[in-house]
Amino acid sequence: MADPTVPESPADLLDASLASAEDAVAQADHAIATIRSLEQAGAEIQKAVSIISGVAGQTRLLALNAT
């Protein structure tokens, strides 16, 4: 009895290779989308850190003026 996971003919091998390549492309596209999303999130985090740093600096100045 033949193993169903082993291609039986060159056409089957070609179909399996094509399916594998299409799956790899889909996974790469998903990875690219994830990386872009992370890049965008990183930029938003950087904005928040910048604002917090500015507020902290102003708070230090106010504390120094109060003493």
Protein backbone atom coordinates (compact mmCIF):
# COMPACT_ATOMS: atom_id res chain seq x y z
CA MET A 1 0.00 0.00 0.00
CA ALA A 2 1.38 3.39 -1.00
CA ASP A 3 2.09 6.13 1.53
CA PRO A 4 -0.45 8.94 0.81
CA THR A 5 2.09 11.61 1.83
CA VAL A 6 4.58 10.53 -0.87
CA PRO A 7 3.82 11.93 -4.35
CA GLU A 8 3.18 9.19 -6.90
CA SER A 9 4.01 11.04 -10.11
CA PRO A 10 6.00 14.05 -11.32
CA ALA A 11 2.74 15.99 -11.56
CA ASP A 12 1.96 15.13 -7.93
CA LEU A 13 5.47 16.20 -6.94
CA LEU A 14 5.02 19.47 -8.82
CA ASP A 15 1.66 20.09 -7.17
CA ALA A 16 3.13 19.37 -3.74
CA SER A 17 6.07 21.70 -4.43
CA LEU A 18 3.73 24.45 -5.62
CA ALA A 19 1.54 24.08 -2.53
CA SER A 20 4.62 24.22 -0.33
CA ALA A 21 5.90 27.35 -2.09
CA GLU A 22 2.50 29.03 -1.83
CA ASP A 23 2.41 28.22 1.88
CA ALA A 24 5.90 29.71 2.32
CA VAL A 25 4.81 32.90 0.53
CA ALA A 26 1.72 33.17 2.74
CA GLN A 27 3.82 32.71 5.87
CA ALA A 28 6.32 35.32 4.66
CA ASP A 29 3.49 37.77 3.93
CA HIS A 30 2.13 37.19 7.43
CA ALA A 31 5.59 37.74 8.94
CA ILE A 32 6.00 40.99 6.99
CA ALA A 33 2.62 42.24 8.20
CA THR A 34 3.55 41.35 11.78
CA ILE A 35 6.89 43.15 11.50
CA ARG A 36 5.19 46.26 10.12
CA SER A 37 2.69 46.17 12.97
CA LEU A 38 5.50 45.86 15.51
CA GLU A 39 7.35 48.74 13.86
CA GLN A 40 4.26 50.91 14.15
CA ALA A 41 3.75 49.91 17.79
CA GLY A 42 7.39 50.71 18.51
CA ALA A 43 6.96 54.19 17.06
CA GLU A 44 3.90 54.76 19.28
CA ILE A 45 5.82 53.56 22.33
CA GLN A 46 8.66 55.93 21.47
CA LYS A 47 6.19 58.84 21.33
CA ALA A 48 4.83 57.91 24.77
CA VAL A 49 8.34 57.60 26.24
CA SER A 50 9.22 60.99 24.81
CA ILE A 51 6.15 62.60 26.39
CA ILE A 52 6.84 60.93 29.75
CA SER A 53 10.48 62.07 29.63
CA GLY A 54 9.35 65.64 28.93
CA VAL A 55 6.89 65.60 31.82
CA ALA A 56 9.55 64.13 34.12
CA GLY A 57 11.96 66.90 33.14
CA GLN A 58 9.37 69.59 33.82
CA THR A 59 8.52 67.96 37.15
CA ARG A 60 12.20 68.05 38.15
CA LEU A 61 12.38 71.74 37.27
CA LEU A 62 9.28 72.49 39.31
CA ALA A 63 10.71 70.55 42.25
CA LEU A 64 13.99 72.47 42.04
CA ASN A 65 12.15 75.79 41.92
CA ALA A 66 10.05 74.80 44.93
CA THR A 67 13.10 74.26 47.14
